[in-house]
Structure formats: C-alpha cells, structure tokens
C-alpha cells in the first residue's frame, strides 16, 4: 500500500477535506464529546469556507492523505516559530491501524526538518484514549493540559503533546 500526502491547493480539494471531516468526526468524536458539540465544531472549523479562511492565514496548511490514490484522511498544520503544530490528523476508521498515521508523522518530521522546527506539537482530547495511545506509540509525550473555550458553552479539554525531531 502506497501512502501519498498532497498539499491542498484547490477548491475541490478543500471540498474533499470537508467531506472527509463530515464522515470521520461524528463517528470518532460523538461518543467522546457528544453529537451537538461535534456538529458545532464541524460547522465552525471544517466547512469549505472555514478551511479556506484557515488556509489564508499565514502558516496554516492542509494536506490530503491517499492510499492507492484513494483519499483516506487529511492533515492540518500550523507552522510556528519553533514548532509545527499538528491541528488535525484524521483517517477514515476502516483505514486505521494500517500505518497511515505513522506515514503522516514521518511526512511531518520531514517538514519540521525543512523549516528547522525541533518539535511537532498537538492537543488531544483527554477522553480520546485511542488517539493518545497512538501518539504515544509514535513517540509523543504529554507536557501539559489546556482548556479552550470555543463558544456556545463548549470547551476543548485537552492534553498537550509533543515529539522532538532529530535534525539528522
């Protein structure tokens, strides 16, 4: 199985990211944070309009993940001064456990080396046990907690994790 990761540059690719989010988020997050908050977050962060707005901001990038030329997930990153913030890494449930997440992290490690960032950082919901375990297997370490008010009475209650990147 070949994993390809391509930068999102067209409106049809943005539409594909939004479509993948509509499939992945409810299944993955509804048991953790509830359907209402998932629907709110999808509407706020993962519509084509909001994705385009994020991409227009300096340092925000999206990438589509393909296996055998079929879209199976996406990545969202923000390049900061001395880190690469992984804001989104989502893979269709049927494709998890096949090494796609590992390939995505390898891609991000290479990106860190290109921009001179010594860390990949991320936040993950404290109740998202499967993702936390996956990140730990990939070498990420928990370095704190953060609660973020996202409006309408909802918060994101997360752990902060990071992976140190060797310069090679």
N, C-alpha and C. Protein backbone atom coordinates (compact mmCIF):
# COMPACT_ATOMS: atom_id res chain seq x y z
N UNK A 1 0.85 -1.18 0.00
CA UNK A 1 0.00 0.00 0.00
C UNK A 1 0.89 1.24 0.00
N UNK A 2 0.64 2.11 -0.95
CA UNK A 2 1.40 3.35 -1.06
C UNK A 2 0.60 4.49 -0.44
N UNK A 3 1.26 5.26 0.44
CA UNK A 3 0.63 6.43 1.05
C UNK A 3 1.19 7.67 0.39
N UNK A 4 0.30 8.50 -0.14
CA UNK A 4 0.68 9.78 -0.73
C UNK A 4 0.05 10.90 0.09
N UNK A 5 0.80 11.96 0.28
CA UNK A 5 0.29 13.12 1.01
C UNK A 5 0.50 14.34 0.14
N UNK A 6 -0.61 14.99 -0.23
CA UNK A 6 -0.56 16.12 -1.15
C UNK A 6 -1.14 17.38 -0.50
N UNK A 7 -0.47 18.49 -0.71
CA UNK A 7 -0.93 19.78 -0.20
C UNK A 7 -2.26 20.15 -0.86
N UNK A 8 -3.17 20.66 -0.07
CA UNK A 8 -4.47 21.13 -0.56
C UNK A 8 -4.28 22.52 -1.16
N UNK A 9 -4.62 22.65 -2.44
CA UNK A 9 -4.45 23.93 -3.13
C UNK A 9 -5.68 24.35 -3.94
N UNK A 10 -6.62 23.45 -4.16
CA UNK A 10 -7.77 23.78 -5.00
C UNK A 10 -9.06 23.72 -4.20
N UNK A 11 -10.11 24.37 -4.72
CA UNK A 11 -11.40 24.35 -4.02
C UNK A 11 -11.99 22.95 -3.98
N UNK A 12 -11.75 22.14 -4.99
CA UNK A 12 -12.26 20.76 -4.96
C UNK A 12 -11.55 19.94 -3.88
N UNK A 13 -10.28 20.22 -3.64
CA UNK A 13 -9.58 19.54 -2.55
C UNK A 13 -10.11 20.00 -1.20
N UNK A 14 -10.40 21.28 -1.07
CA UNK A 14 -10.99 21.80 0.17
C UNK A 14 -12.33 21.12 0.41
N UNK A 15 -13.15 20.98 -0.63
CA UNK A 15 -14.43 20.29 -0.51
C UNK A 15 -14.23 18.84 -0.05
N UNK A 16 -13.20 18.20 -0.54
CA UNK A 16 -12.90 16.82 -0.16
C UNK A 16 -12.52 16.74 1.32
N UNK A 17 -11.71 17.67 1.79
CA UNK A 17 -11.37 17.71 3.22
C UNK A 17 -12.64 17.85 4.06
N UNK A 18 -13.51 18.78 3.69
CA UNK A 18 -14.75 18.99 4.44
C UNK A 18 -15.62 17.73 4.42
N UNK A 19 -15.66 17.04 3.30
CA UNK A 19 -16.43 15.81 3.18
C UNK A 19 -15.85 14.71 4.08
N UNK A 20 -14.53 14.59 4.09
CA UNK A 20 -13.89 13.60 4.97
C UNK A 20 -14.20 13.93 6.43
N UNK A 21 -14.14 15.21 6.79
CA UNK A 21 -14.43 15.62 8.17
C UNK A 21 -15.85 15.22 8.56
N UNK A 22 -16.81 15.43 7.65
CA UNK A 22 -18.21 15.09 7.94
C UNK A 22 -18.40 13.59 8.17
N UNK A 23 -17.53 12.78 7.59
CA UNK A 23 -17.58 11.34 7.79
C UNK A 23 -16.85 10.93 9.07
N UNK A 24 -15.66 11.45 9.25
CA UNK A 24 -14.79 10.99 10.34
C UNK A 24 -15.21 11.54 11.69
N UNK A 25 -15.45 12.83 11.79
CA UNK A 25 -15.68 13.46 13.10
C UNK A 25 -16.87 12.87 13.87
N UNK A 26 -18.06 12.76 13.26
CA UNK A 26 -19.20 12.24 14.04
C UNK A 26 -18.94 10.84 14.60
N UNK A 27 -18.37 9.99 13.79
CA UNK A 27 -18.11 8.62 14.23
C UNK A 27 -17.09 8.60 15.37
N UNK A 28 -16.04 9.39 15.22
CA UNK A 28 -14.95 9.35 16.19
C UNK A 28 -15.27 10.15 17.46
N UNK A 29 -15.83 11.35 17.32
CA UNK A 29 -15.96 12.25 18.45
C UNK A 29 -17.31 12.22 19.16
N UNK A 30 -18.38 11.80 18.50
CA UNK A 30 -19.69 11.81 19.17
C UNK A 30 -19.69 11.03 20.49
N UNK A 31 -19.05 9.84 20.55
CA UNK A 31 -19.02 9.14 21.84
C UNK A 31 -18.20 9.88 22.91
N UNK A 32 -17.31 10.75 22.50
CA UNK A 32 -16.42 11.44 23.44
C UNK A 32 -17.01 12.76 23.91
N UNK A 33 -17.47 13.59 22.96
CA UNK A 33 -17.93 14.94 23.31
C UNK A 33 -19.41 15.19 23.00
N UNK A 34 -20.06 14.23 22.37
CA UNK A 34 -21.48 14.36 22.05
C UNK A 34 -21.72 14.93 20.65
N UNK A 35 -22.84 14.53 20.08
CA UNK A 35 -23.19 14.93 18.71
C UNK A 35 -23.33 16.44 18.56
N UNK A 36 -23.91 17.11 19.56
CA UNK A 36 -24.14 18.55 19.46
C UNK A 36 -22.83 19.31 19.32
N UNK A 37 -21.83 18.96 20.15
CA UNK A 37 -20.55 19.66 20.06
C UNK A 37 -19.84 19.31 18.76
N UNK A 38 -19.95 18.06 18.31
CA UNK A 38 -19.34 17.68 17.03
C UNK A 38 -19.94 18.51 15.90
N UNK A 39 -21.27 18.60 15.88
CA UNK A 39 -21.93 19.39 14.84
C UNK A 39 -21.49 20.85 14.89
N UNK A 40 -21.40 21.40 16.09
CA UNK A 40 -20.95 22.79 16.25
C UNK A 40 -19.53 22.97 15.72
N UNK A 41 -18.63 22.06 16.10
CA UNK A 41 -17.23 22.18 15.69
C UNK A 41 -17.08 21.98 14.19
N UNK A 42 -17.82 21.05 13.61
CA UNK A 42 -17.77 20.87 12.15
C UNK A 42 -18.20 22.16 11.45
N UNK A 43 -19.28 22.75 11.93
CA UNK A 43 -19.77 23.98 11.33
C UNK A 43 -18.83 25.16 11.51
N UNK A 44 -18.11 25.17 12.62
CA UNK A 44 -17.21 26.29 12.90
C UNK A 44 -15.85 26.13 12.22
N UNK A 45 -15.33 24.90 12.18
CA UNK A 45 -13.94 24.69 11.74
C UNK A 45 -13.76 23.91 10.45
N UNK A 46 -14.76 23.15 9.99
CA UNK A 46 -14.50 22.22 8.89
C UNK A 46 -15.44 22.36 7.71
N UNK A 47 -16.01 23.54 7.52
CA UNK A 47 -16.75 23.80 6.29
C UNK A 47 -15.73 24.27 5.24
N UNK A 48 -16.06 24.16 3.97
CA UNK A 48 -15.13 24.69 2.97
C UNK A 48 -14.75 26.14 3.23
N UNK A 49 -15.72 26.97 3.62
CA UNK A 49 -15.43 28.39 3.88
C UNK A 49 -14.44 28.55 5.03
N UNK A 50 -14.64 27.82 6.13
CA UNK A 50 -13.73 27.97 7.27
C UNK A 50 -12.35 27.38 6.98
N UNK A 51 -12.29 26.31 6.21
CA UNK A 51 -10.99 25.74 5.82
C UNK A 51 -10.22 26.73 4.95
N UNK A 52 -10.91 27.34 3.99
CA UNK A 52 -10.26 28.35 3.15
C UNK A 52 -9.76 29.52 3.98
N UNK A 53 -10.55 29.95 4.96
CA UNK A 53 -10.14 31.06 5.82
C UNK A 53 -8.89 30.67 6.61
N UNK A 54 -8.84 29.44 7.10
CA UNK A 54 -7.66 28.97 7.83
C UNK A 54 -6.43 28.94 6.91
N UNK A 55 -6.63 28.53 5.69
CA UNK A 55 -5.52 28.44 4.74
C UNK A 55 -5.01 29.82 4.33
N UNK A 56 -5.89 30.82 4.39
CA UNK A 56 -5.49 32.18 4.05
C UNK A 56 -4.63 32.81 5.14
N UNK A 57 -4.72 32.26 6.35
CA UNK A 57 -3.89 32.77 7.44
C UNK A 57 -2.47 32.22 7.27
N UNK A 58 -1.50 33.03 7.58
CA UNK A 58 -0.11 32.64 7.42
C UNK A 58 0.21 31.40 8.26
N UNK A 59 0.81 30.41 7.61
CA UNK A 59 1.28 29.22 8.32
C UNK A 59 0.27 28.11 8.47
N UNK A 60 -0.95 28.25 7.95
CA UNK A 60 -1.96 27.19 8.03
C UNK A 60 -1.99 26.41 6.73
N UNK A 61 -1.80 25.10 6.82
CA UNK A 61 -1.77 24.25 5.63
C UNK A 61 -2.61 23.00 5.88
N UNK A 62 -3.25 22.54 4.81
CA UNK A 62 -3.96 21.26 4.82
C UNK A 62 -3.32 20.34 3.79
N UNK A 63 -3.37 19.05 4.08
CA UNK A 63 -2.85 18.02 3.18
C UNK A 63 -3.85 16.87 3.15
N UNK A 64 -4.06 16.32 1.97
CA UNK A 64 -4.89 15.13 1.82
C UNK A 64 -4.00 13.90 1.85
N UNK A 65 -4.49 12.85 2.49
CA UNK A 65 -3.78 11.58 2.57
C UNK A 65 -4.50 10.59 1.66
N UNK A 66 -3.72 9.95 0.79
CA UNK A 66 -4.25 8.95 -0.14
C UNK A 66 -3.54 7.62 0.07
N UNK A 67 -4.29 6.54 -0.06
CA UNK A 67 -3.66 5.23 -0.18
C UNK A 67 -4.14 4.65 -1.49
N UNK A 68 -3.20 4.22 -2.29
CA UNK A 68 -3.53 3.69 -3.62
C UNK A 68 -4.45 4.63 -4.38
N UNK A 69 -4.17 5.93 -4.26
CA UNK A 69 -4.85 7.02 -4.98
C UNK A 69 -6.29 7.26 -4.52
N UNK A 70 -6.67 6.70 -3.37
CA UNK A 70 -8.00 6.91 -2.79
C UNK A 70 -7.84 7.79 -1.55
N UNK A 71 -8.61 8.89 -1.43
CA UNK A 71 -8.48 9.75 -0.25
C UNK A 71 -8.99 9.03 1.00
N UNK A 72 -8.14 8.99 2.04
CA UNK A 72 -8.49 8.27 3.27
C UNK A 72 -8.38 9.14 4.52
N UNK A 73 -7.90 10.38 4.36
CA UNK A 73 -7.77 11.24 5.53
C UNK A 73 -7.14 12.57 5.18
N UNK A 74 -6.87 13.35 6.22
CA UNK A 74 -6.26 14.66 5.99
C UNK A 74 -5.47 15.11 7.21
N UNK A 75 -4.61 16.09 6.96
CA UNK A 75 -3.76 16.69 7.98
C UNK A 75 -3.97 18.19 7.92
N UNK A 76 -3.97 18.85 9.07
CA UNK A 76 -3.94 20.30 9.15
C UNK A 76 -2.79 20.71 10.06
N UNK A 77 -1.97 21.63 9.61
CA UNK A 77 -0.83 22.07 10.41
C UNK A 77 -0.74 23.59 10.43
N UNK A 78 -0.07 24.08 11.46
CA UNK A 78 0.28 25.49 11.56
C UNK A 78 1.77 25.55 11.85
N UNK A 79 2.49 26.24 10.99
CA UNK A 79 3.93 26.36 11.19
C UNK A 79 4.19 27.60 12.03
N UNK A 80 4.76 27.37 13.21
CA UNK A 80 5.06 28.46 14.14
C UNK A 80 6.56 28.65 14.20
N UNK A 81 6.99 29.59 15.03
CA UNK A 81 8.40 29.96 15.12
C UNK A 81 9.33 28.76 15.32
N UNK A 82 9.08 27.96 16.34
CA UNK A 82 9.99 26.85 16.59
C UNK A 82 9.25 25.53 16.77
N UNK A 83 8.10 25.42 16.12
CA UNK A 83 7.35 24.17 16.18
C UNK A 83 6.42 24.06 14.99
N UNK A 84 6.03 22.84 14.74
CA UNK A 84 4.99 22.57 13.77
C UNK A 84 3.81 22.06 14.60
N UNK A 85 2.71 22.82 14.61
CA UNK A 85 1.53 22.43 15.37
C UNK A 85 0.63 21.59 14.49
N UNK A 86 0.40 20.36 14.91
CA UNK A 86 -0.49 19.44 14.21
C UNK A 86 -1.90 19.67 14.73
N UNK A 87 -2.69 20.43 13.99
CA UNK A 87 -4.03 20.75 14.45
C UNK A 87 -5.03 19.66 14.08
N UNK A 88 -4.74 18.91 13.02
CA UNK A 88 -5.67 17.88 12.58
C UNK A 88 -4.91 16.72 11.93
N UNK A 89 -5.24 15.51 12.35
CA UNK A 89 -4.80 14.29 11.68
C UNK A 89 -5.95 13.32 11.80
N UNK A 90 -6.67 13.16 10.70
CA UNK A 90 -7.87 12.33 10.70
C UNK A 90 -7.80 11.32 9.57
N UNK A 91 -8.11 10.07 9.93
CA UNK A 91 -8.06 8.96 8.98
C UNK A 91 -9.38 8.20 9.10
N UNK A 92 -9.94 7.81 7.96
CA UNK A 92 -11.18 7.03 7.97
C UNK A 92 -11.00 5.80 8.84
N UNK A 93 -12.05 5.43 9.60
CA UNK A 93 -11.94 4.34 10.57
C UNK A 93 -11.51 3.02 9.92
N UNK A 94 -11.98 2.74 8.72
CA UNK A 94 -11.62 1.49 8.04
C UNK A 94 -10.15 1.43 7.65
N UNK A 95 -9.48 2.59 7.65
CA UNK A 95 -8.08 2.66 7.23
C UNK A 95 -7.10 2.77 8.40
N UNK A 96 -7.63 2.87 9.61
CA UNK A 96 -6.75 2.99 10.78
C UNK A 96 -6.06 1.67 11.06
N UNK A 97 -4.88 1.77 11.66
CA UNK A 97 -4.13 0.57 12.01
C UNK A 97 -3.35 -0.02 10.85
N UNK A 98 -3.21 0.73 9.78
CA UNK A 98 -2.51 0.24 8.58
C UNK A 98 -1.20 0.98 8.33
N UNK A 99 -0.76 1.77 9.29
CA UNK A 99 0.49 2.50 9.14
C UNK A 99 0.35 3.87 8.50
N UNK A 100 -0.87 4.30 8.24
CA UNK A 100 -1.09 5.59 7.58
C UNK A 100 -0.71 6.73 8.53
N UNK A 101 -1.08 6.62 9.80
CA UNK A 101 -0.72 7.64 10.78
C UNK A 101 0.79 7.75 10.92
N UNK A 102 1.46 6.62 10.92
CA UNK A 102 2.93 6.62 11.00
C UNK A 102 3.53 7.33 9.79
N UNK A 103 2.99 7.05 8.61
CA UNK A 103 3.46 7.71 7.38
C UNK A 103 3.21 9.22 7.46
N UNK A 104 2.08 9.61 8.02
CA UNK A 104 1.76 11.04 8.16
C UNK A 104 2.76 11.72 9.10
N UNK A 105 3.09 11.07 10.20
CA UNK A 105 4.06 11.64 11.13
C UNK A 105 5.44 11.71 10.49
N UNK A 106 5.82 10.70 9.72
CA UNK A 106 7.09 10.76 9.01
C UNK A 106 7.13 11.94 8.05
N UNK A 107 6.02 12.18 7.36
CA UNK A 107 5.89 13.34 6.47
C UNK A 107 6.09 14.64 7.25
N UNK A 108 5.47 14.72 8.44
CA UNK A 108 5.58 15.93 9.25
C UNK A 108 6.98 16.10 9.84
N UNK A 109 7.63 15.01 10.17
CA UNK A 109 9.02 15.09 10.64
C UNK A 109 9.90 15.71 9.55
N UNK A 110 9.70 15.25 8.31
CA UNK A 110 10.47 15.81 7.20
C UNK A 110 10.17 17.29 7.03
N UNK A 111 8.91 17.67 7.19
CA UNK A 111 8.52 19.09 7.09
C UNK A 111 9.21 19.90 8.19
N UNK A 112 9.27 19.35 9.40
CA UNK A 112 9.97 20.03 10.52
C UNK A 112 11.42 20.28 10.16
N UNK A 113 12.07 19.30 9.60
CA UNK A 113 13.48 19.45 9.23
C UNK A 113 13.64 20.54 8.17
N UNK A 114 12.68 20.61 7.24
CA UNK A 114 12.74 21.64 6.19
C UNK A 114 12.65 23.04 6.78
N UNK A 115 11.81 23.23 7.77
CA UNK A 115 11.59 24.57 8.32
C UNK A 115 12.42 24.82 9.58
N UNK A 116 13.16 23.80 10.03
CA UNK A 116 14.01 23.97 11.20
C UNK A 116 13.27 23.94 12.52
N UNK A 117 12.14 23.27 12.56
CA UNK A 117 11.35 23.18 13.80
C UNK A 117 11.77 21.93 14.59
N UNK A 118 12.12 22.09 15.87
CA UNK A 118 12.56 20.94 16.64
C UNK A 118 11.43 20.09 17.23
N UNK A 119 10.18 20.56 17.10
CA UNK A 119 9.06 19.82 17.68
C UNK A 119 7.86 19.77 16.74
N UNK A 120 7.12 18.67 16.86
CA UNK A 120 5.73 18.62 16.42
C UNK A 120 4.93 18.67 17.71
N UNK A 121 3.99 19.60 17.80
CA UNK A 121 3.13 19.69 18.97
C UNK A 121 1.68 19.47 18.54
N UNK A 122 0.84 19.09 19.49
CA UNK A 122 -0.57 18.89 19.21
C UNK A 122 -1.35 18.95 20.51
N UNK A 123 -2.65 19.06 20.38
CA UNK A 123 -3.54 18.90 21.51
C UNK A 123 -4.49 17.76 21.18
N UNK A 124 -4.86 17.00 22.21
CA UNK A 124 -5.75 15.86 22.02
C UNK A 124 -6.72 15.80 23.21
N UNK A 125 -7.98 15.56 22.91
CA UNK A 125 -9.00 15.48 23.95
C UNK A 125 -8.59 14.45 25.00
N UNK A 126 -8.74 14.82 26.26
CA UNK A 126 -8.32 13.94 27.36
C UNK A 126 -9.05 12.59 27.36
N UNK A 127 -10.24 12.54 26.77
CA UNK A 127 -11.01 11.29 26.73
C UNK A 127 -10.74 10.48 25.46
N UNK A 128 -9.91 10.99 24.59
CA UNK A 128 -9.62 10.34 23.30
C UNK A 128 -8.48 9.33 23.49
N UNK A 129 -8.77 8.28 24.24
CA UNK A 129 -7.77 7.32 24.68
C UNK A 129 -7.05 6.64 23.50
N UNK A 130 -7.78 6.26 22.48
CA UNK A 130 -7.15 5.57 21.34
C UNK A 130 -6.13 6.46 20.64
N UNK A 131 -6.48 7.73 20.45
CA UNK A 131 -5.55 8.65 19.80
C UNK A 131 -4.35 8.93 20.69
N UNK A 132 -4.59 9.10 21.98
CA UNK A 132 -3.48 9.32 22.91
C UNK A 132 -2.49 8.16 22.84
N UNK A 133 -3.01 6.94 22.88
CA UNK A 133 -2.14 5.75 22.79
C UNK A 133 -1.38 5.72 21.47
N UNK A 134 -2.06 6.06 20.38
CA UNK A 134 -1.39 6.07 19.07
C UNK A 134 -0.26 7.10 19.04
N UNK A 135 -0.52 8.29 19.57
CA UNK A 135 0.53 9.31 19.60
C UNK A 135 1.70 8.87 20.49
N UNK A 136 1.40 8.25 21.62
CA UNK A 136 2.48 7.78 22.49
C UNK A 136 3.33 6.71 21.79
N UNK A 137 2.70 5.82 21.04
CA UNK A 137 3.45 4.81 20.28
C UNK A 137 4.37 5.45 19.25
N UNK A 138 3.96 6.61 18.75
CA UNK A 138 4.76 7.34 17.76
C UNK A 138 5.85 8.19 18.41
N UNK A 139 5.89 8.19 19.75
CA UNK A 139 6.95 8.90 20.45
C UNK A 139 6.55 10.22 21.08
N UNK A 140 5.30 10.62 20.98
CA UNK A 140 4.85 11.87 21.58
C UNK A 140 4.79 11.73 23.10
N UNK A 141 5.06 12.84 23.78
CA UNK A 141 4.99 12.89 25.24
C UNK A 141 4.02 13.98 25.67
N UNK A 142 3.28 13.70 26.74
CA UNK A 142 2.36 14.66 27.32
C UNK A 142 3.18 15.70 28.08
N UNK A 143 2.92 16.98 27.82
CA UNK A 143 3.66 18.01 28.56
C UNK A 143 2.74 19.06 29.19
N UNK A 144 1.46 18.75 29.31
CA UNK A 144 0.57 19.68 29.98
C UNK A 144 -0.88 19.51 29.58
N UNK A 145 -1.69 20.42 30.06
CA UNK A 145 -3.12 20.42 29.78
C UNK A 145 -3.56 21.81 29.35
N UNK A 146 -4.63 21.88 28.58
CA UNK A 146 -5.17 23.16 28.18
C UNK A 146 -6.68 23.01 27.98
N UNK A 147 -7.43 24.00 28.45
CA UNK A 147 -8.87 24.06 28.23
C UNK A 147 -9.13 25.30 27.40
N UNK A 148 -9.79 25.11 26.25
CA UNK A 148 -10.03 26.20 25.32
C UNK A 148 -11.53 26.40 25.12
N UNK A 149 -12.01 27.60 25.40
CA UNK A 149 -13.41 27.94 25.17
C UNK A 149 -13.60 28.17 23.67
N UNK A 150 -14.49 27.39 23.06
CA UNK A 150 -14.71 27.53 21.61
C UNK A 150 -16.08 28.15 21.30
N UNK A 151 -16.76 28.64 22.33
CA UNK A 151 -18.03 29.31 22.11
C UNK A 151 -19.23 28.41 22.34
N UNK A 152 -20.39 29.03 22.46
CA UNK A 152 -21.68 28.35 22.64
C UNK A 152 -21.70 27.42 23.85
N UNK A 153 -20.83 27.72 24.84
CA UNK A 153 -20.77 26.90 26.05
C UNK A 153 -19.90 25.66 25.93
N UNK A 154 -19.22 25.49 24.81
CA UNK A 154 -18.37 24.32 24.59
C UNK A 154 -16.90 24.65 24.87
N UNK A 155 -16.19 23.65 25.35
CA UNK A 155 -14.75 23.77 25.55
C UNK A 155 -14.05 22.55 24.96
N UNK A 156 -12.78 22.74 24.66
CA UNK A 156 -11.92 21.62 24.31
C UNK A 156 -11.01 21.41 25.52
N UNK A 157 -11.13 20.25 26.14
CA UNK A 157 -10.37 19.89 27.34
C UNK A 157 -9.30 18.90 26.91
N UNK A 158 -8.09 19.40 26.70
CA UNK A 158 -7.06 18.63 26.00
C UNK A 158 -5.78 18.45 26.81
N UNK A 159 -5.05 17.40 26.41
CA UNK A 159 -3.65 17.27 26.77
C UNK A 159 -2.83 17.91 25.67
N UNK A 160 -1.68 18.46 26.04
CA UNK A 160 -0.72 18.97 25.07
C UNK A 160 0.37 17.90 24.93
N UNK A 161 0.70 17.56 23.70
CA UNK A 161 1.71 16.54 23.46
C UNK A 161 2.73 17.08 22.47
N UNK A 162 3.95 16.54 22.54
CA UNK A 162 4.97 16.97 21.58
C UNK A 162 5.91 15.81 21.28
N UNK A 163 6.51 15.93 20.11
CA UNK A 163 7.50 14.97 19.62
C UNK A 163 8.73 15.76 19.23
N UNK A 164 9.85 15.43 19.84
CA UNK A 164 11.12 16.08 19.50
C UNK A 164 11.62 15.50 18.19
N UNK A 165 12.05 16.37 17.30
CA UNK A 165 12.53 15.96 15.97
C UNK A 165 14.04 16.05 15.93
N UNK A 166 14.66 14.94 15.59
CA UNK A 166 16.13 14.97 15.46
C UNK A 166 16.48 15.64 14.13
N UNK A 167 17.53 16.46 14.11
CA UNK A 167 17.88 17.21 12.90
C UNK A 167 18.41 16.33 11.78
N UNK A 168 18.93 15.19 12.08
CA UNK A 168 19.54 14.23 11.14
C UNK A 168 20.66 14.87 10.43
